[in-house]
Amino acid sequence: MKKTIRIGTRDSELALWQANTVKAKLENLGYSTQLVPVKSEGDLVLDKPLYEMGITGIFTKTLDVAMIRGTVDIAVHSMKDVPTQLPNGIVQTAVLERASSDDILVTTNEVDFEKPCTIATGSLRRQAQWLNRYPHHKVVDIRGNVNTRLQKLKDNNWQGAIFAKAGLLRINLLPEKFMDLSWMLPAPAQGAMVVVALEKDEFCKEATSKLNNRKAQICTQMERDFLRTLEGGCTAPIGAFAQIIDQEVVFKGCLFSLDGKQKLEIEKTIDIENYNGFGKECAHHILKNGGSELMVQIKKEINK
């Protein structure tokens, strides 16, 4: 265990919390580690919606390059930010025990949802689900890390902004005024942290694989298989959540039009031993029942 494992991470407060969590777990196993924070393009460019920046890999590309160049050995990510197709030579080695996958609405005052409201989110998935439920509301774009977005909510005349609950909990920023959005399907793998390493680095692969949580790995794999099969490299309003109950996996997935008016969804249960390929199977069900046409429409609207 003489090698020091260099842990690449974004330098936001949340990313550093996640990297330090992995650092502590590896050191508890007897490994030597070092944090290597870097800024990603997604953190630096705050004036464009994510989907206009080619969202796939926007927060992970810098660390991928650092790993391939040999300046870091592993990287720690919020799994929902990681492209479903990893770069050649980089592999997933561990999914840590999952935190809450819920979305929440952070508010500044009491909100009357029957009246016109302005809600902020940088996510097409959240936007579409919100407009499906509240078509009389306006949704505006919001960018930046968790701290930046909380400040923007204070500085603007919005009724609320949508956040991932896990991110706020991890850095002790969960405010007093928030609502659990239990009706909103999360992003695939939301609430999960993932570790990636170079495929040829047997030492780091073995070390980090000891952190893997099998239940979290199974559920996130199904959700990401669903996403990959549906999106075909395109950003779209897709939600997915898998949950293990006894020896079964309950899977829920959805695809929305950008304006939230069209909604395609699926809920199915399968024995845990047969989980492999199930996310893909559920996605094909959506595609065969209107999803293919809807994805064509979504791509046209995004590429206008």
Protein backbone atom coordinates (compact mmCIF):
# COMPACT_ATOMS: atom_id res chain seq x y z
CA MET A 1 0.00 0.00 0.00
CA LYS A 2 2.91 2.37 -0.60
CA LYS A 3 1.30 4.17 -3.53
CA THR A 4 -0.51 7.42 -2.68
CA ILE A 5 -3.90 7.53 -4.41
CA ARG A 6 -4.42 11.00 -5.90
CA ILE A 7 -8.15 11.81 -5.76
CA GLY A 8 -9.35 14.20 -8.45
CA THR A 9 -12.37 16.35 -7.61
CA ARG A 10 -14.13 19.54 -8.59
CA ASP A 11 -13.41 22.32 -6.12
CA SER A 12 -16.98 23.18 -5.14
CA GLU A 13 -17.92 22.67 -1.50
CA LEU A 14 -20.14 19.69 -2.32
CA ALA A 15 -17.57 18.01 -4.59
CA LEU A 16 -14.89 18.43 -1.92
CA TRP A 17 -17.21 16.92 0.70
CA GLN A 18 -17.71 13.91 -1.55
CA ALA A 19 -14.00 13.53 -2.28
CA ASN A 20 -13.11 13.84 1.40
CA THR A 21 -15.66 11.14 2.20
CA VAL A 22 -13.91 8.76 -0.21
CA LYS A 23 -10.52 9.89 1.13
CA ALA A 24 -11.53 9.03 4.71
CA LYS A 25 -12.93 5.64 3.71
CA LEU A 26 -9.76 4.71 1.81
CA GLU A 27 -7.52 5.86 4.67
CA ASN A 28 -9.62 3.79 7.10
CA LEU A 29 -8.69 0.81 4.92
CA GLY A 30 -5.00 1.70 5.26
CA TYR A 31 -4.40 3.51 1.95
CA SER A 32 -2.46 6.75 1.54
CA THR A 33 -4.40 9.47 -0.33
CA GLN A 34 -4.10 13.05 -1.59
CA LEU A 35 -6.85 15.41 -2.85
CA VAL A 36 -6.30 17.16 -6.19
CA PRO A 37 -9.06 19.78 -6.75
CA VAL A 38 -9.65 21.19 -10.26
CA LYS A 39 -12.19 23.55 -11.85
CA SER A 40 -14.49 22.10 -14.51
CA GLU A 41 -15.97 23.92 -17.48
CA GLY A 42 -19.40 23.48 -15.90
CA ASP A 43 -18.27 25.49 -12.88
CA LEU A 44 -16.58 28.23 -14.90
CA VAL A 45 -19.30 28.99 -17.46
CA LEU A 46 -22.37 30.17 -15.56
CA ASP A 47 -24.22 32.22 -18.19
CA LYS A 48 -25.54 29.38 -20.35
CA PRO A 49 -28.12 26.69 -19.61
CA LEU A 50 -26.42 23.31 -19.23
CA TYR A 51 -28.23 21.81 -22.21
CA GLU A 52 -26.72 24.50 -24.47
CA MET A 53 -23.22 23.49 -23.37
CA GLY A 54 -23.49 19.86 -24.40
CA ILE A 55 -24.30 18.76 -20.86
CA THR A 56 -22.92 15.23 -21.24
CA GLY A 57 -19.67 15.20 -19.31
CA ILE A 58 -19.54 18.95 -18.66
CA PHE A 59 -18.61 18.38 -14.99
CA THR A 60 -16.46 15.30 -15.55
CA LYS A 61 -14.41 16.04 -18.67
CA THR A 62 -11.65 17.96 -16.88
CA LEU A 63 -11.10 15.11 -14.42
CA ASP A 64 -11.19 12.53 -17.22
CA VAL A 65 -8.38 14.41 -18.96
CA ALA A 66 -6.40 14.71 -15.71
CA MET A 67 -6.70 10.95 -15.15
CA ILE A 68 -5.63 10.08 -18.68
CA ARG A 69 -2.68 12.51 -18.40
CA GLY A 70 -1.68 10.89 -15.12
CA THR A 71 -2.09 13.91 -12.81
CA VAL A 72 -4.80 12.14 -10.76
CA ASP A 73 -5.44 8.43 -10.15
CA ILE A 74 -9.17 8.35 -9.40
CA ALA A 75 -12.08 10.78 -9.55
CA VAL A 76 -15.16 11.16 -7.36
CA HIS A 77 -18.40 12.44 -8.89
CA SER A 78 -22.06 12.97 -8.20
CA MET A 79 -23.17 10.01 -10.28
CA LYS A 80 -26.01 11.88 -11.98
CA ASP A 81 -23.39 14.19 -13.58
CA VAL A 82 -21.44 11.32 -15.14
CA PRO A 83 -22.13 10.40 -18.79
CA THR A 84 -23.64 6.93 -19.19
CA GLN A 85 -20.80 6.14 -21.60
CA LEU A 86 -17.43 6.55 -19.88
CA PRO A 87 -14.36 7.53 -21.95
CA ASN A 88 -12.19 4.72 -23.29
CA GLY A 89 -9.76 3.55 -20.62
CA ILE A 90 -11.82 4.81 -17.64
CA VAL A 91 -14.03 2.47 -15.61
CA GLN A 92 -16.50 2.70 -12.74
CA THR A 93 -15.06 1.03 -9.66
CA ALA A 94 -17.49 1.85 -6.84
CA VAL A 95 -20.90 3.29 -6.08
CA LEU A 96 -21.11 4.37 -2.46
CA GLU A 97 -24.17 3.85 -0.27
CA ARG A 98 -26.86 6.10 -1.69
CA ALA A 99 -28.20 9.15 0.10
CA SER A 100 -31.67 10.63 -0.49
CA SER A 101 -32.63 10.73 -4.17
CA ASP A 102 -35.38 13.30 -3.57
CA ASP A 103 -35.79 16.70 -5.17
CA ILE A 104 -36.94 19.52 -2.92
CA LEU A 105 -38.34 23.00 -3.46
CA VAL A 106 -36.53 25.63 -1.42
CA THR A 107 -38.79 28.63 -0.83
CA THR A 108 -38.33 32.13 0.50
CA ASN A 109 -41.91 32.53 1.82
CA GLU A 110 -45.18 30.62 1.92
CA VAL A 111 -46.20 29.70 -1.63
CA ASP A 112 -49.72 29.54 -3.05
CA PHE A 113 -49.28 27.15 -5.96
CA GLU A 114 -52.75 27.96 -7.35
CA LYS A 115 -51.45 31.41 -8.28
CA PRO A 116 -48.83 32.21 -10.95
CA CYS A 117 -45.36 31.43 -9.60
CA THR A 118 -41.79 31.62 -10.86
CA ILE A 119 -39.68 28.55 -10.06
CA ALA A 120 -35.95 28.25 -10.82
CA THR A 121 -34.10 25.17 -12.05
CA GLY A 122 -31.32 24.43 -14.52
CA SER A 123 -32.71 20.94 -15.19
CA LEU A 124 -34.95 20.07 -18.14
CA ARG A 125 -36.24 17.08 -16.16
CA ARG A 126 -37.34 19.23 -13.23
CA GLN A 127 -38.73 21.91 -15.54
CA ALA A 128 -40.88 19.45 -17.48
CA GLN A 129 -42.24 17.69 -14.40
CA TRP A 130 -43.00 21.00 -12.72
CA LEU A 131 -44.85 22.37 -15.77
CA ASN A 132 -46.76 19.10 -16.10
CA ARG A 133 -48.08 19.59 -12.57
CA TYR A 134 -48.30 23.40 -12.62
CA PRO A 135 -48.82 24.52 -16.25
CA HIS A 136 -49.72 28.07 -15.12
CA HIS A 137 -46.25 28.58 -13.56
CA LYS A 138 -43.11 30.03 -15.15
CA VAL A 139 -39.79 28.16 -14.90
CA VAL A 140 -36.52 30.12 -15.18
CA ASP A 141 -32.96 28.86 -15.58
CA ILE A 142 -30.53 28.91 -12.66
CA ARG A 143 -26.86 27.90 -12.76
CA GLY A 144 -23.91 27.55 -10.42
CA ASN A 145 -22.97 25.37 -7.48
CA VAL A 146 -25.30 24.82 -4.53
CA ASN A 147 -24.12 27.91 -2.63
CA THR A 148 -24.42 30.14 -5.72
CA ARG A 149 -27.94 28.93 -6.49
CA LEU A 150 -29.12 29.46 -2.89
CA GLN A 151 -27.81 33.03 -3.06
CA LYS A 152 -29.54 33.61 -6.42
CA LEU A 153 -32.82 32.47 -4.87
CA LYS A 154 -32.40 35.12 -2.15
CA ASP A 155 -31.48 37.80 -4.69
CA ASN A 156 -34.40 37.24 -7.08
CA ASN A 157 -38.14 37.61 -6.86
CA TRP A 158 -38.81 33.90 -7.34
CA GLN A 159 -41.17 31.77 -5.29
CA GLY A 160 -38.72 28.88 -5.10
CA ALA A 161 -35.86 26.88 -6.61
CA ILE A 162 -35.48 23.11 -6.97
CA PHE A 163 -32.48 21.30 -5.48
CA ALA A 164 -31.34 17.74 -4.86
CA LYS A 165 -31.92 17.14 -1.15
CA ALA A 166 -28.75 15.04 -0.78
CA GLY A 167 -26.47 17.88 -1.89
CA LEU A 168 -27.85 20.32 0.67
CA LEU A 169 -27.77 17.74 3.46
CA ARG A 170 -24.16 16.79 2.75
CA ILE A 171 -22.84 20.31 3.31
CA ASN A 172 -25.32 21.29 6.04
CA LEU A 173 -27.17 23.84 3.89
CA LEU A 174 -30.69 22.39 4.07
CA PRO A 175 -32.78 25.49 4.86
CA GLU A 176 -35.80 25.68 7.14
CA LYS A 177 -38.21 26.43 4.32
CA PHE A 178 -38.40 23.59 1.83
CA MET A 179 -40.88 21.06 0.47
CA ASP A 180 -40.17 17.43 -0.42
CA LEU A 181 -41.20 16.84 -4.03
CA SER A 182 -42.04 13.17 -3.57
CA TRP A 183 -44.09 13.20 -6.79
CA MET A 184 -41.07 14.19 -8.91
CA LEU A 185 -39.00 11.32 -10.31
CA PRO A 186 -35.29 12.05 -9.73
CA ALA A 187 -32.47 12.11 -12.23
CA PRO A 188 -31.02 8.64 -12.81
CA ALA A 189 -28.48 7.94 -10.02
CA GLN A 190 -29.40 11.10 -8.08
CA GLY A 191 -28.08 10.93 -4.51
CA ALA A 192 -25.32 8.48 -5.43
CA MET A 193 -21.56 9.05 -5.49
CA VAL A 194 -19.36 7.16 -7.93
CA VAL A 195 -15.62 6.50 -8.10
CA VAL A 196 -13.87 6.00 -11.45
CA ALA A 197 -10.30 4.93 -12.22
CA LEU A 198 -8.10 4.03 -15.16
CA GLU A 199 -8.90 0.58 -16.51
CA LYS A 200 -5.20 -0.36 -16.44
CA ASP A 201 -4.66 0.78 -12.82
CA GLU A 202 -5.18 -2.48 -10.95
CA PHE A 203 -4.03 -1.00 -7.61
CA CYS A 204 -6.63 1.80 -7.58
CA LYS A 205 -9.35 -0.43 -9.01
CA GLU A 206 -8.84 -2.97 -6.22
CA ALA A 207 -8.62 -0.31 -3.51
CA THR A 208 -11.73 1.62 -4.51
CA SER A 209 -13.83 -1.47 -5.29
CA LYS A 210 -13.83 -2.11 -1.54
CA LEU A 211 -16.11 0.95 -1.19
CA ASN A 212 -18.80 -0.43 -3.51
CA ASN A 213 -22.36 -0.78 -2.19
CA ARG A 214 -24.05 -3.55 -4.21
CA LYS A 215 -27.63 -2.30 -3.71
CA ALA A 216 -26.71 1.20 -4.85
CA GLN A 217 -24.74 -0.22 -7.77
CA ILE A 218 -27.68 -2.36 -8.97
CA CYS A 219 -30.24 0.45 -8.72
CA THR A 220 -28.09 3.10 -10.36
CA GLN A 221 -27.08 0.73 -13.15
CA MET A 222 -30.75 0.12 -14.00
CA GLU A 223 -31.50 3.83 -13.95
CA ARG A 224 -28.51 4.72 -16.11
CA ASP A 225 -29.26 1.89 -18.57
CA PHE A 226 -32.77 3.37 -18.90
CA LEU A 227 -31.29 6.83 -19.51
CA ARG A 228 -28.67 5.68 -22.01
CA THR A 229 -31.19 3.68 -24.06
CA LEU A 230 -33.66 6.56 -24.23
CA GLU A 231 -31.43 9.57 -24.77
CA GLY A 232 -28.98 8.43 -27.43
CA GLY A 233 -26.57 11.21 -26.48
CA CYS A 234 -29.30 13.87 -26.24
CA THR A 235 -30.26 15.74 -23.09
CA ALA A 236 -33.94 15.12 -22.36
CA PRO A 237 -36.41 15.33 -19.46
CA ILE A 238 -35.89 11.79 -18.16
CA GLY A 239 -36.47 10.57 -14.61
CA ALA A 240 -35.76 7.14 -13.16
CA PHE A 241 -35.68 5.50 -9.76
CA ALA A 242 -35.05 1.89 -8.75
CA GLN A 243 -35.57 0.59 -5.22
CA ILE A 244 -34.79 -2.83 -3.77
CA ILE A 245 -37.57 -4.22 -1.57
CA ASP A 246 -36.82 -7.66 -0.15
CA GLN A 247 -35.64 -9.66 -3.19
CA GLU A 248 -37.31 -7.49 -5.80
CA VAL A 249 -36.43 -4.27 -7.60
CA VAL A 250 -39.22 -1.76 -8.18
CA PHE A 251 -38.38 0.47 -11.15
CA LYS A 252 -40.08 3.72 -12.17
CA GLY A 253 -39.14 5.71 -15.25
CA CYS A 254 -40.52 8.67 -17.18
CA LEU A 255 -39.97 10.79 -20.28
CA PHE A 256 -41.57 14.22 -20.74
CA SER A 257 -41.82 16.78 -23.51
CA LEU A 258 -39.90 19.98 -22.74
CA ASP A 259 -43.11 21.88 -21.95
CA GLY A 260 -44.33 19.08 -19.69
CA LYS A 261 -47.52 18.49 -21.66
CA GLN A 262 -46.57 14.99 -22.81
CA LYS A 263 -45.76 12.35 -20.22
CA LEU A 264 -44.70 8.75 -20.79
CA GLU A 265 -44.07 6.58 -17.74
CA ILE A 266 -43.48 3.01 -16.66
CA GLU A 267 -43.46 1.14 -13.34
CA LYS A 268 -42.37 -2.49 -13.20
CA THR A 269 -41.03 -4.97 -10.66
CA ILE A 270 -38.45 -7.71 -11.23
CA ASP A 271 -36.59 -10.28 -9.14
CA ILE A 272 -33.21 -8.89 -8.08
CA GLU A 273 -31.36 -11.80 -9.70
CA ASN A 274 -32.68 -10.69 -13.11
CA TYR A 275 -31.85 -6.98 -12.81
CA ASN A 276 -29.24 -6.94 -15.57
CA GLY A 277 -30.73 -5.40 -18.71
CA PHE A 278 -34.02 -4.48 -17.02
CA GLY A 279 -33.47 -0.71 -17.27
CA LYS A 280 -32.87 -1.09 -21.00
CA GLU A 281 -36.02 -3.23 -21.33
CA CYS A 282 -38.10 -0.53 -19.60
CA ALA A 283 -36.66 2.14 -21.90
CA HIS A 284 -37.58 0.10 -24.98
CA HIS A 285 -41.16 -0.07 -23.66
CA ILE A 286 -41.23 3.75 -23.50
CA LEU A 287 -39.69 4.08 -26.98
CA LYS A 288 -42.24 1.69 -28.51
CA ASN A 289 -45.13 3.58 -26.93
CA GLY A 290 -44.49 7.08 -28.22
CA GLY A 291 -41.01 7.68 -26.85
CA SER A 292 -39.18 7.47 -30.18
CA GLU A 293 -41.35 10.22 -31.68
CA LEU A 294 -41.07 12.32 -28.54
CA MET A 295 -37.26 12.06 -28.52
CA VAL A 296 -37.15 13.28 -32.14
CA GLN A 297 -39.29 16.27 -31.12
CA ILE A 298 -37.10 17.01 -28.09
CA LYS A 299 -33.89 16.93 -30.16
CA LYS A 300 -35.41 19.34 -32.69
CA GLU A 301 -36.44 21.81 -29.97
CA ILE A 302 -33.06 21.68 -28.19
CA ASN A 303 -31.11 22.14 -31.44
CA LYS A 304 -33.16 25.15 -32.64
